[in-house]
Amino acid sequence: MLVILKETLKKHKVSTESSKEICGDFAFDLAMLQDQGEIKVNREEFRPVICFDNLEGELHFNTDDQFQLHDYAYGSNSELFESE
């Protein structure tokens, strides 16, 4: 998602410095939603998770509550912008 966001910002001529900040903040906020967030719909609560479908009807996702995506958000973003 960060690569897509980065390329979209580049297409709209957003500076590299601003793009890095926007992507970092987006990565952190999305990771926090994944790690701790809840979405309420019609009095029901849902917790979003990132998962992958192996195209055989099986979903694979992290079940380790100790792993927190937001801990890696800004580091991953920095790696994305290293070559800029």
Protein backbone atom coordinates (compact mmCIF):
# COMPACT_ATOMS: atom_id res chain seq x y z
CA MET A 1 0.00 0.00 0.00
CA LEU A 2 2.86 2.37 0.74
CA VAL A 3 4.35 1.87 -2.70
CA ILE A 4 0.97 2.67 -4.28
CA LEU A 5 0.55 5.74 -2.08
CA LYS A 6 4.10 6.90 -2.81
CA GLU A 7 3.60 6.57 -6.57
CA THR A 8 0.24 8.36 -6.40
CA LEU A 9 1.78 11.27 -4.50
CA LYS A 10 4.64 11.38 -7.02
CA LYS A 11 2.11 11.45 -9.89
CA HIS A 12 0.47 14.47 -8.27
CA LYS A 13 3.86 16.16 -7.90
CA VAL A 14 3.98 16.08 -4.09
CA SER A 15 7.55 16.69 -2.92
CA THR A 16 9.61 13.71 -1.76
CA GLU A 17 9.91 15.18 1.73
CA SER A 18 6.14 15.64 2.07
CA SER A 19 5.47 12.23 0.50
CA LYS A 20 7.74 10.53 3.03
CA GLU A 21 5.93 12.24 5.91
CA ILE A 22 2.47 11.43 4.50
CA CYS A 23 3.38 7.79 3.83
CA GLY A 24 4.90 7.38 7.29
CA ASP A 25 1.85 8.82 9.03
CA PHE A 26 -0.48 6.70 6.88
CA ALA A 27 1.53 3.53 7.59
CA PHE A 28 1.45 4.21 11.33
CA ASP A 29 -2.28 5.02 11.43
CA LEU A 30 -3.17 1.96 9.33
CA ALA A 31 -0.96 -0.24 11.51
CA MET A 32 -2.60 1.11 14.68
CA LEU A 33 -6.02 0.27 13.21
CA GLN A 34 -4.73 -3.24 12.55
CA ASP A 35 -3.12 -3.60 15.99
CA GLN A 36 -5.69 -1.98 18.25
CA GLY A 37 -8.55 -0.59 16.26
CA GLU A 38 -12.18 -1.45 16.16
CA ILE A 39 -14.79 -0.55 13.61
CA LYS A 40 -18.36 -0.29 14.87
CA VAL A 41 -21.21 -1.07 12.48
CA ASN A 42 -24.82 -1.37 13.64
CA ARG A 43 -23.81 -1.95 17.27
CA GLU A 44 -21.38 -4.71 16.28
CA GLU A 45 -17.63 -4.35 16.68
CA PHE A 46 -15.12 -5.62 14.17
CA ARG A 47 -11.35 -5.73 14.39
CA PRO A 48 -9.64 -5.42 11.01
CA VAL A 49 -6.85 -7.85 10.19
CA ILE A 50 -4.51 -8.22 7.26
CA CYS A 51 -4.70 -11.69 5.78
CA PHE A 52 -3.76 -13.51 2.61
CA ASP A 53 -5.83 -15.97 0.60
CA ASN A 54 -3.85 -18.90 -0.80
CA LEU A 55 -6.40 -19.19 -3.65
CA GLU A 56 -7.54 -22.53 -2.22
CA GLY A 57 -10.09 -21.07 0.20
CA GLU A 58 -7.69 -20.79 3.14
CA LEU A 59 -6.90 -17.49 4.83
CA HIS A 60 -3.53 -16.95 6.46
CA PHE A 61 -3.04 -14.24 9.07
CA ASN A 62 -1.00 -13.43 12.14
CA THR A 63 -2.49 -14.79 15.36
CA ASP A 64 0.34 -13.56 17.59
CA ASP A 65 -1.07 -10.76 19.76
CA GLN A 66 2.49 -9.74 20.72
CA PHE A 67 3.37 -8.71 17.16
CA GLN A 68 2.53 -5.07 16.58
CA LEU A 69 2.66 -3.66 13.04
CA HIS A 70 2.88 -0.05 14.21
CA ASP A 71 6.32 -0.82 15.67
CA TYR A 72 7.59 -1.25 12.10
CA ALA A 73 5.61 1.46 10.29
CA TYR A 74 8.13 4.31 10.20
CA GLY A 75 11.11 1.98 9.68
CA SER A 76 9.47 0.35 6.70
CA ASN A 77 8.58 3.76 5.35
CA SER A 78 12.19 4.93 5.70
CA GLU A 79 13.35 1.90 3.69
CA LEU A 80 10.85 2.80 0.96
CA PHE A 81 12.38 6.26 0.61
CA GLU A 82 16.08 5.29 1.02
CA SER A 83 16.85 5.65 -2.68
CA GLU A 84 15.21 9.08 -2.99
